[in-house]
PDB file of N, CA and C in Angstrom:
ATOM      1  N   MET A   1     -86.109-191.565  30.687  1.00  0.00           N
ATOM      2  CA  MET A   1     -85.598-190.336  30.119  1.00  0.00           C
ATOM      3  C   MET A   1     -86.710-189.499  29.480  1.00  0.00           C
ATOM      4  N   ILE A   2     -87.943-189.957  29.550  1.00  0.00           N
ATOM      5  CA  ILE A   2     -89.055-189.194  28.969  1.00  0.00           C
ATOM      6  C   ILE A   2     -89.216-187.852  29.674  1.00  0.00           C
ATOM      7  N   TRP A   3     -88.863-187.795  30.967  1.00  0.00           N
ATOM      8  CA  TRP A   3     -89.003-186.532  31.687  1.00  0.00           C
ATOM      9  C   TRP A   3     -88.033-185.484  31.152  1.00  0.00           C
ATOM     10  N   VAL A   4     -86.882-185.913  30.645  1.00  0.00           N
ATOM     11  CA  VAL A   4     -85.912-184.961  30.072  1.00  0.00           C
ATOM     12  C   VAL A   4     -86.487-184.359  28.793  1.00  0.00           C
ATOM     13  N   THR A   5     -87.078-185.183  27.962  1.00  0.00           N
ATOM     14  CA  THR A   5     -87.695-184.684  26.732  1.00  0.00           C
ATOM     15  C   THR A   5     -88.825-183.717  27.058  1.00  0.00           C
ATOM     16  N   THR A   6     -89.646-184.064  28.036  1.00  0.00           N
ATOM     17  CA  THR A   6     -90.735-183.181  28.444  1.00  0.00           C
ATOM     18  C   THR A   6     -90.190-181.869  28.987  1.00  0.00           C
ATOM     19  N   ALA A   7     -89.150-181.940  29.793  1.00  0.00           N
ATOM     20  CA  ALA A   7     -88.543-180.724  30.354  1.00  0.00           C
ATOM     21  C   ALA A   7     -87.979-179.835  29.247  1.00  0.00           C
ATOM     22  N   ILE A   8     -87.357-180.433  28.239  1.00  0.00           N
ATOM     23  CA  ILE A   8     -86.814-179.660  27.116  1.00  0.00           C
ATOM     24  C   ILE A   8     -87.939-178.937  26.384  1.00  0.00           C
ATOM     25  N   VAL A   9     -89.027-179.627  26.123  1.00  0.00           N
ATOM     26  CA  VAL A   9     -90.161-179.011  25.429  1.00  0.00           C
ATOM     27  C   VAL A   9     -90.732-177.869  26.256  1.00  0.00           C
ATOM     28  N   VAL A  10     -90.869-178.056  27.554  1.00  0.00           N
ATOM     29  CA  VAL A  10     -91.409-177.001  28.423  1.00  0.00           C
ATOM     30  C   VAL A  10     -90.483-175.790  28.437  1.00  0.00           C
ATOM     31  N   VAL A  11     -89.197-176.016  28.621  1.00  0.00           N
ATOM     32  CA  VAL A  11     -88.244-174.898  28.682  1.00  0.00           C
ATOM     33  C   VAL A  11     -88.165-174.174  27.343  1.00  0.00           C
ATOM     34  N   LYS A  12     -88.151-174.914  26.240  1.00  0.00           N
ATOM     35  CA  LYS A  12     -88.124-174.278  24.916  1.00  0.00           C
ATOM     36  C   LYS A  12     -89.393-173.456  24.677  1.00  0.00           C
ATOM     37  N   THR A  13     -90.520-173.925  25.178  1.00  0.00           N
ATOM     38  CA  THR A  13     -91.767-173.169  25.053  1.00  0.00           C
ATOM     39  C   THR A  13     -91.698-171.876  25.847  1.00  0.00           C
ATOM     40  N   VAL A  14     -91.158-171.927  27.055  1.00  0.00           N
ATOM     41  CA  VAL A  14     -91.000-170.723  27.873  1.00  0.00           C
ATOM     42  C   VAL A  14     -90.060-169.744  27.180  1.00  0.00           C
ATOM     43  N   ILE A  15     -88.952-170.249  26.631  1.00  0.00           N
ATOM     44  CA  ILE A  15     -88.014-169.388  25.899  1.00  0.00           C
ATOM     45  C   ILE A  15     -88.702-168.747  24.702  1.00  0.00           C
ATOM     46  N   LEU A  16     -89.492-169.514  23.992  1.00  0.00           N
ATOM     47  CA  LEU A  16     -90.217-168.980  22.831  1.00  0.00           C
ATOM     48  C   LEU A  16     -91.177-167.867  23.243  1.00  0.00           C
ATOM     49  N   LEU A  17     -91.915-168.074  24.317  1.00  0.00           N
ATOM     50  CA  LEU A  17     -92.865-167.057  24.776  1.00  0.00           C
ATOM     51  C   LEU A  17     -92.156-165.797  25.268  1.00  0.00           C
ATOM     52  N   LEU A  18     -91.145-165.969  26.109  1.00  0.00           N
ATOM     53  CA  LEU A  18     -90.421-164.800  26.635  1.00  0.00           C
ATOM     54  C   LEU A  18     -89.666-164.065  25.524  1.00  0.00           C
ATOM     55  N   GLY A  19     -88.983-164.808  24.673  1.00  0.00           N
ATOM     56  CA  GLY A  19     -88.242-164.182  23.576  1.00  0.00           C
ATOM     57  C   GLY A  19     -89.146-163.461  22.606  1.00  0.00           C
ATOM     58  N   SER A  20     -90.299-164.047  22.327  1.00  0.00           N
ATOM     59  CA  SER A  20     -91.256-163.386  21.440  1.00  0.00           C
ATOM     60  C   SER A  20     -91.771-162.098  22.069  1.00  0.00           C
ATOM     61  N   GLY A  21     -92.022-162.124  23.363  1.00  0.00           N
ATOM     62  CA  GLY A  21     -92.478-160.917  24.062  1.00  0.00           C
ATOM     63  C   GLY A  21     -91.446-159.806  24.013  1.00  0.00           C
ATOM     64  N   ILE A  22     -90.193-160.152  24.278  1.00  0.00           N
ATOM     65  CA  ILE A  22     -89.112-159.153  24.236  1.00  0.00           C
ATOM     66  C   ILE A  22     -88.960-158.603  22.821  1.00  0.00           C
ATOM     67  N   THR A  23     -88.993-159.483  21.837  1.00  0.00           N
ATOM     68  CA  THR A  23     -88.860-159.055  20.444  1.00  0.00           C
ATOM     69  C   THR A  23     -89.998-158.117  20.058  1.00  0.00           C
ATOM     70  N   TYR A  24     -91.209-158.462  20.434  1.00  0.00           N
ATOM     71  CA  TYR A  24     -92.376-157.632  20.125  1.00  0.00           C
ATOM     72  C   TYR A  24     -92.262-156.253  20.767  1.00  0.00           C
ATOM     73  N   ILE A  25     -91.880-156.209  22.029  1.00  0.00           N
ATOM     74  CA  ILE A  25     -91.749-154.922  22.727  1.00  0.00           C
ATOM     75  C   ILE A  25     -90.649-154.073  22.098  1.00  0.00           C
ATOM     76  N   ALA A  26     -89.523-154.699  21.738  1.00  0.00           N
ATOM     77  CA  ALA A  26     -88.426-153.949  21.111  1.00  0.00           C
ATOM     78  C   ALA A  26     -88.856-153.377  19.765  1.00  0.00           C
ATOM     79  N   PHE A  27     -89.598-154.153  18.973  1.00  0.00           N
ATOM     80  CA  PHE A  27     -90.050-153.645  17.677  1.00  0.00           C
ATOM     81  C   PHE A  27     -91.108-152.565  17.827  1.00  0.00           C
ATOM     82  N   ARG A  28     -91.966-152.690  18.820  1.00  0.00           N
ATOM     83  CA  ARG A  28     -92.938-151.615  19.074  1.00  0.00           C
ATOM     84  C   ARG A  28     -92.215-150.326  19.456  1.00  0.00           C
ATOM     85  N   ALA A  29     -91.197-150.446  20.296  1.00  0.00           N
ATOM     86  CA  ALA A  29     -90.420-149.267  20.689  1.00  0.00           C
ATOM     87  C   ALA A  29     -89.695-148.680  19.480  1.00  0.00           C
ATOM     88  N   TYR A  30     -89.178-149.549  18.609  1.00  0.00           N
ATOM     89  CA  TYR A  30     -88.515-149.062  17.399  1.00  0.00           C
ATOM     90  C   TYR A  30     -89.502-148.302  16.505  1.00  0.00           C
ATOM     91  N   ARG A  31     -90.687-148.859  16.305  1.00  0.00           N
ATOM     92  CA  ARG A  31     -91.684-148.178  15.460  1.00  0.00           C
ATOM     93  C   ARG A  31     -92.072-146.834  16.048  1.00  0.00           C
ATOM     94  N   ARG A  32     -92.119-146.751  17.366  1.00  0.00           N
ATOM     95  CA  ARG A  32     -92.515-145.498  18.012  1.00  0.00           C
ATOM     96  C   ARG A  32     -91.400-144.454  17.934  1.00  0.00           C
ATOM     97  N   THR A  33     -90.141-144.890  18.096  1.00  0.00           N
ATOM     98  CA  THR A  33     -89.037-143.929  18.170  1.00  0.00           C
ATOM     99  C   THR A  33     -88.207-143.847  16.893  1.00  0.00           C
ATOM    100  N   GLY A  34     -88.178-144.933  16.111  1.00  0.00           N
ATOM    101  CA  GLY A  34     -87.338-144.962  14.918  1.00  0.00           C
ATOM    102  C   GLY A  34     -85.859-145.136  15.218  1.00  0.00           C
ATOM    103  N   THR A  35     -85.525-145.521  16.443  1.00  0.00           N
ATOM    104  CA  THR A  35     -84.129-145.672  16.861  1.00  0.00           C
ATOM    105  C   THR A  35     -83.536-146.965  16.286  1.00  0.00           C
ATOM    106  N   PRO A  36     -82.468-146.858  15.492  1.00  0.00           N
ATOM    107  CA  PRO A  36     -81.866-148.055  14.894  1.00  0.00           C
ATOM    108  C   PRO A  36     -81.394-149.076  15.929  1.00  0.00           C
ATOM    109  N   SER A  37     -80.954-148.625  17.089  1.00  0.00           N
ATOM    110  CA  SER A  37     -80.482-149.576  18.101  1.00  0.00           C
ATOM    111  C   SER A  37     -81.619-150.461  18.606  1.00  0.00           C
ATOM    112  N   LEU A  38     -82.826-149.912  18.684  1.00  0.00           N
ATOM    113  CA  LEU A  38     -83.969-150.731  19.102  1.00  0.00           C
ATOM    114  C   LEU A  38     -84.350-151.749  18.030  1.00  0.00           C
ATOM    115  N   ARG A  39     -84.194-151.369  16.774  1.00  0.00           N
ATOM    116  CA  ARG A  39     -84.443-152.323  15.695  1.00  0.00           C
ATOM    117  C   ARG A  39     -83.450-153.474  15.775  1.00  0.00           C
ATOM    118  N   ALA A  40     -82.165-153.145  15.954  1.00  0.00           N
ATOM    119  CA  ALA A  40     -81.142-154.183  16.063  1.00  0.00           C
ATOM    120  C   ALA A  40     -81.370-155.051  17.304  1.00  0.00           C
ATOM    121  N   LEU A  41     -81.784-154.439  18.397  1.00  0.00           N
ATOM    122  CA  LEU A  41     -82.073-155.195  19.614  1.00  0.00           C
ATOM    123  C   LEU A  41     -83.190-156.208  19.360  1.00  0.00           C
ATOM    124  N   GLY A  42     -84.255-155.775  18.708  1.00  0.00           N
ATOM    125  CA  GLY A  42     -85.355-156.675  18.383  1.00  0.00           C
ATOM    126  C   GLY A  42     -84.926-157.808  17.473  1.00  0.00           C
ATOM    127  N   ILE A  43     -84.102-157.502  16.487  1.00  0.00           N
ATOM    128  CA  ILE A  43     -83.603-158.535  15.578  1.00  0.00           C
ATOM    129  C   ILE A  43     -82.739-159.538  16.345  1.00  0.00           C
ATOM    130  N   GLY A  44     -81.889-159.044  17.222  1.00  0.00           N
ATOM    131  CA  GLY A  44     -81.027-159.924  18.019  1.00  0.00           C
ATOM    132  C   GLY A  44     -81.827-160.890  18.877  1.00  0.00           C
ATOM    133  N   PHE A  45     -82.800-160.363  19.604  1.00  0.00           N
ATOM    134  CA  PHE A  45     -83.631-161.240  20.427  1.00  0.00           C
ATOM    135  C   PHE A  45     -84.481-162.173  19.565  1.00  0.00           C
ATOM    136  N   GLY A  46     -84.912-161.696  18.412  1.00  0.00           N
ATOM    137  CA  GLY A  46     -85.670-162.548  17.504  1.00  0.00           C
ATOM    138  C   GLY A  46     -84.851-163.731  17.010  1.00  0.00           C
ATOM    139  N   ILE A  47     -83.591-163.497  16.705  1.00  0.00           N
ATOM    140  CA  ILE A  47     -82.719-164.581  16.244  1.00  0.00           C
ATOM    141  C   ILE A  47     -82.449-165.581  17.363  1.00  0.00           C
ATOM    142  N   ILE A  48     -82.232-165.083  18.579  1.00  0.00           N
ATOM    143  CA  ILE A  48     -82.042-165.987  19.715  1.00  0.00           C
ATOM    144  C   ILE A  48     -83.286-166.850  19.920  1.00  0.00           C
ATOM    145  N   THR A  49     -84.448-166.235  19.845  1.00  0.00           N
ATOM    146  CA  THR A  49     -85.701-166.969  20.005  1.00  0.00           C
ATOM    147  C   THR A  49     -85.884-167.978  18.876  1.00  0.00           C
ATOM    148  N   LEU A  50     -85.556-167.573  17.655  1.00  0.00           N
ATOM    149  CA  LEU A  50     -85.629-168.472  16.515  1.00  0.00           C
ATOM    150  C   LEU A  50     -84.712-169.678  16.710  1.00  0.00           C
ATOM    151  N   GLY A  51     -83.541-169.443  17.300  1.00  0.00           N
ATOM    152  CA  GLY A  51     -82.607-170.543  17.569  1.00  0.00           C
ATOM    153  C   GLY A  51     -83.202-171.585  18.492  1.00  0.00           C
ATOM    154  N   ALA A  52     -83.873-171.135  19.538  1.00  0.00           N
ATOM    155  CA  ALA A  52     -84.514-172.073  20.462  1.00  0.00           C
ATOM    156  C   ALA A  52     -85.620-172.845  19.760  1.00  0.00           C
ATOM    157  N   LEU A  53     -86.391-172.150  18.953  1.00  0.00           N
ATOM    158  CA  LEU A  53     -87.492-172.792  18.231  1.00  0.00           C
ATOM    159  C   LEU A  53     -86.964-173.809  17.219  1.00  0.00           C
ATOM    160  N   LEU A  54     -85.996-173.411  16.402  1.00  0.00           N
ATOM    161  CA  LEU A  54     -85.471-174.318  15.375  1.00  0.00           C
ATOM    162  C   LEU A  54     -84.781-175.530  15.976  1.00  0.00           C
ATOM    163  N   ALA A  55     -84.038-175.325  17.059  1.00  0.00           N
ATOM    164  CA  ALA A  55     -83.363-176.457  17.703  1.00  0.00           C
ATOM    165  C   ALA A  55     -84.391-177.440  18.248  1.00  0.00           C
ATOM    166  N   GLY A  56     -85.440-176.924  18.858  1.00  0.00           N
ATOM    167  CA  GLY A  56     -86.491-177.802  19.378  1.00  0.00           C
ATOM    168  C   GLY A  56     -87.204-178.554  18.274  1.00  0.00           C
ATOM    169  N   ILE A  57     -87.539-177.858  17.196  1.00  0.00           N
ATOM    170  CA  ILE A  57     -88.208-178.514  16.062  1.00  0.00           C
ATOM    171  C   ILE A  57     -87.293-179.552  15.424  1.00  0.00           C
ATOM    172  N   ALA A  58     -86.024-179.194  15.251  1.00  0.00           N
ATOM    173  CA  ALA A  58     -85.080-180.125  14.623  1.00  0.00           C
ATOM    174  C   ALA A  58     -84.962-181.407  15.445  1.00  0.00           C
ATOM    175  N   HIS A  59     -84.896-181.270  16.764  1.00  0.00           N
ATOM    176  CA  HIS A  59     -84.716-182.455  17.601  1.00  0.00           C
ATOM    177  C   HIS A  59     -86.008-183.260  17.738  1.00  0.00           C
ATOM    178  N   GLN A  60     -87.129-182.584  17.994  1.00  0.00           N
ATOM    179  CA  GLN A  60     -88.375-183.293  18.268  1.00  0.00           C
ATOM    180  C   GLN A  60     -89.093-183.779  17.015  1.00  0.00           C
ATOM    181  N   VAL A  61     -89.102-182.983  15.961  1.00  0.00           N
ATOM    182  CA  VAL A  61     -89.893-183.310  14.773  1.00  0.00           C
ATOM    183  C   VAL A  61     -89.045-183.971  13.687  1.00  0.00           C
ATOM    184  N   LEU A  62     -87.862-183.441  13.459  1.00  0.00           N
ATOM    185  CA  LEU A  62     -87.027-183.941  12.359  1.00  0.00           C
ATOM    186  C   LEU A  62     -86.052-185.033  12.787  1.00  0.00           C
ATOM    187  N   SER A  63     -86.082-185.407  14.067  1.00  0.00           N
ATOM    188  CA  SER A  63     -85.218-186.465  14.622  1.00  0.00           C
ATOM    189  C   SER A  63     -83.731-186.178  14.435  1.00  0.00           C
ATOM    190  N   VAL A  64     -83.366-184.904  14.496  1.00  0.00           N
ATOM    191  CA  VAL A  64     -81.959-184.524  14.477  1.00  0.00           C
ATOM    192  C   VAL A  64     -81.387-184.854  15.850  1.00  0.00           C
ATOM    193  N   SER A  65     -80.128-185.225  15.906  1.00  0.00           N
ATOM    194  CA  SER A  65     -79.522-185.577  17.188  1.00  0.00           C
ATOM    195  C   SER A  65     -79.551-184.389  18.140  1.00  0.00           C
ATOM    196  N   LEU A  66     -79.515-184.695  19.430  1.00  0.00           N
ATOM    197  CA  LEU A  66     -79.507-183.645  20.448  1.00  0.00           C
ATOM    198  C   LEU A  66     -78.298-182.732  20.268  1.00  0.00           C
ATOM    199  N   GLU A  67     -77.154-183.328  19.916  1.00  0.00           N
ATOM    200  CA  GLU A  67     -75.933-182.535  19.715  1.00  0.00           C
ATOM    201  C   GLU A  67     -76.098-181.536  18.575  1.00  0.00           C
ATOM    202  N   MET A  68     -76.719-181.973  17.470  1.00  0.00           N
ATOM    203  CA  MET A  68     -76.930-181.074  16.336  1.00  0.00           C
ATOM    204  C   MET A  68     -77.932-179.987  16.706  1.00  0.00           C
ATOM    205  N   GLY A  69     -78.950-180.326  17.467  1.00  0.00           N
ATOM    206  CA  GLY A  69     -79.906-179.326  17.946  1.00  0.00           C
ATOM    207  C   GLY A  69     -79.229-178.278  18.808  1.00  0.00           C
ATOM    208  N   ILE A  70     -78.337-178.728  19.678  1.00  0.00           N
ATOM    209  CA  ILE A  70     -77.586-177.788  20.523  1.00  0.00           C
ATOM    210  C   ILE A  70     -76.688-176.907  19.669  1.00  0.00           C
ATOM    211  N   LEU A  71     -76.076-177.477  18.647  1.00  0.00           N
ATOM    212  CA  LEU A  71     -75.222-176.685  17.750  1.00  0.00           C
ATOM    213  C   LEU A  71     -76.031-175.617  17.022  1.00  0.00           C
ATOM    214  N   ILE A  72     -77.197-175.992  16.496  1.00  0.00           N
ATOM    215  CA  ILE A  72     -78.067-175.025  15.811  1.00  0.00           C
ATOM    216  C   ILE A  72     -78.434-173.894  16.760  1.00  0.00           C
ATOM    217  N   ASN A  73     -78.856-174.253  17.959  1.00  0.00           N
ATOM    218  CA  ASN A  73     -79.236-173.260  18.955  1.00  0.00           C
ATOM    219  C   ASN A  73     -78.053-172.354  19.300  1.00  0.00           C
ATOM    220  N   SER A  74     -76.890-172.957  19.513  1.00  0.00           N
ATOM    221  CA  SER A  74     -75.710-172.185  19.914  1.00  0.00           C
ATOM    222  C   SER A  74     -75.271-171.193  18.839  1.00  0.00           C
ATOM    223  N   ILE A  75     -75.323-171.611  17.583  1.00  0.00           N
ATOM    224  CA  ILE A  75     -74.940-170.714  16.488  1.00  0.00           C
ATOM    225  C   ILE A  75     -75.878-169.508  16.446  1.00  0.00           C
ATOM    226  N   LEU A  76     -77.182-169.767  16.536  1.00  0.00           N
ATOM    227  CA  LEU A  76     -78.136-168.658  16.464  1.00  0.00           C
ATOM    228  C   LEU A  76     -78.086-167.776  17.705  1.00  0.00           C
ATOM    229  N   VAL A  77     -77.801-168.348  18.864  1.00  0.00           N
ATOM    230  CA  VAL A  77     -77.626-167.529  20.071  1.00  0.00           C
ATOM    231  C   VAL A  77     -76.398-166.634  19.911  1.00  0.00           C
ATOM    232  N   ALA A  78     -75.310-167.178  19.387  1.00  0.00           N
ATOM    233  CA  ALA A  78     -74.099-166.377  19.187  1.00  0.00           C
ATOM    234  C   ALA A  78     -74.355-165.228  18.208  1.00  0.00           C
ATOM    235  N   VAL A  79     -75.042-165.503  17.111  1.00  0.00           N
ATOM    236  CA  VAL A  79     -75.373-164.449  16.140  1.00  0.00           C
ATOM    237  C   VAL A  79     -76.276-163.407  16.794  1.00  0.00           C
ATOM    238  N   GLY A  80     -77.307-163.860  17.510  1.00  0.00           N
ATOM    239  CA  GLY A  80     -78.224-162.934  18.183  1.00  0.00           C
ATOM    240  C   GLY A  80     -77.521-162.061  19.206  1.00  0.00           C
ATOM    241  N   LEU A  81     -76.633-162.654  19.997  1.00  0.00           N
ATOM    242  CA  LEU A  81     -75.895-161.860  20.986  1.00  0.00           C
ATOM    243  C   LEU A  81     -74.959-160.854  20.311  1.00  0.00           C
ATOM    244  N   GLY A  82     -74.382-161.248  19.181  1.00  0.00           N
ATOM    245  CA  GLY A  82     -73.554-160.306  18.430  1.00  0.00           C
ATOM    246  C   GLY A  82     -74.364-159.109  17.958  1.00  0.00           C
ATOM    247  N   ILE A  83     -75.586-159.348  17.504  1.00  0.00           N
ATOM    248  CA  ILE A  83     -76.458-158.254  17.058  1.00  0.00           C
ATOM    249  C   ILE A  83     -76.885-157.394  18.247  1.00  0.00           C
ATOM    250  N   ILE A  84     -77.167-158.017  19.387  1.00  0.00           N
ATOM    251  CA  ILE A  84     -77.514-157.243  20.586  1.00  0.00           C
ATOM    252  C   ILE A  84     -76.330-156.374  21.011  1.00  0.00           C
ATOM    253  N   LEU A  85     -75.125-156.932  20.966  1.00  0.00           N
ATOM    254  CA  LEU A  85     -73.933-156.134  21.285  1.00  0.00           C
ATOM    255  C   LEU A  85     -73.812-154.955  20.329  1.00  0.00           C
ATOM    256  N   TYR A  86     -74.068-155.194  19.052  1.00  0.00           N
ATOM    257  CA  TYR A  86     -74.044-154.126  18.062  1.00  0.00           C
ATOM    258  C   TYR A  86     -75.093-153.060  18.380  1.00  0.00           C
ATOM    259  N   SER A  87     -76.278-153.499  18.820  1.00  0.00           N
ATOM    260  CA  SER A  87     -77.331-152.528  19.154  1.00  0.00           C
ATOM    261  C   SER A  87     -76.906-151.644  20.314  1.00  0.00           C
ATOM    262  N   LEU A  88     -76.190-152.207  21.257  1.00  0.00           N
ATOM    263  CA  LEU A  88     -75.693-151.407  22.387  1.00  0.00           C
ATOM    264  C   LEU A  88     -74.601-150.446  21.932  1.00  0.00           C
ATOM    265  N   TYR A  89     -73.794-150.869  20.979  1.00  0.00           N
ATOM    266  CA  TYR A  89     -72.778-149.988  20.422  1.00  0.00           C
ATOM    267  C   TYR A  89     -73.440-148.819  19.686  1.00  0.00           C
ATOM    268  N   LEU A  90     -74.511-149.097  18.927  1.00  0.00           N
ATOM    269  CA  LEU A  90     -75.225-148.031  18.225  1.00  0.00           C
ATOM    270  C   LEU A  90     -75.770-146.992  19.209  1.00  0.00           C
ATOM    271  N   GLU A  91     -76.299-147.484  20.325  1.00  0.00           N
ATOM    272  CA  GLU A  91     -76.863-146.586  21.338  1.00  0.00           C
ATOM    273  C   GLU A  91     -75.784-145.692  21.924  1.00  0.00           C
ATOM    274  N   ARG A  92     -74.597-146.234  22.085  1.00  0.00           N
ATOM    275  CA  ARG A  92     -73.478-145.486  22.670  1.00  0.00           C
ATOM    276  C   ARG A  92     -73.008-144.379  21.729  1.00  0.00           C
ATOM    277  N   GLY A  93     -73.029-144.676  20.425  1.00  0.00           N
ATOM    278  CA  GLY A  93     -72.487-143.753  19.430  1.00  0.00           C
ATOM    279  C   GLY A  93     -73.350-142.648  19.093  1.00  0.00           C
TER     280      GLY A  93
END
């Protein structure tokens, strides 16, 4: 089962890199335009990325169960998606 642990670390690293890139680009766009929806979009993606990072750290470093790591990740993904939905609503209004 060591390959599963390695695969989780690799995928979480890819999520961290991609999510950080999206968050950075959204915040740069917000600073350039001052559009509140872009700020909310960046925050949403940042929270989703944070969820992947915290779940990985909790499972690998703090020896939290895989189920608890998934719960942590899922809660932060749900919050992040809610903020992204809000950012799209702001853009519409």
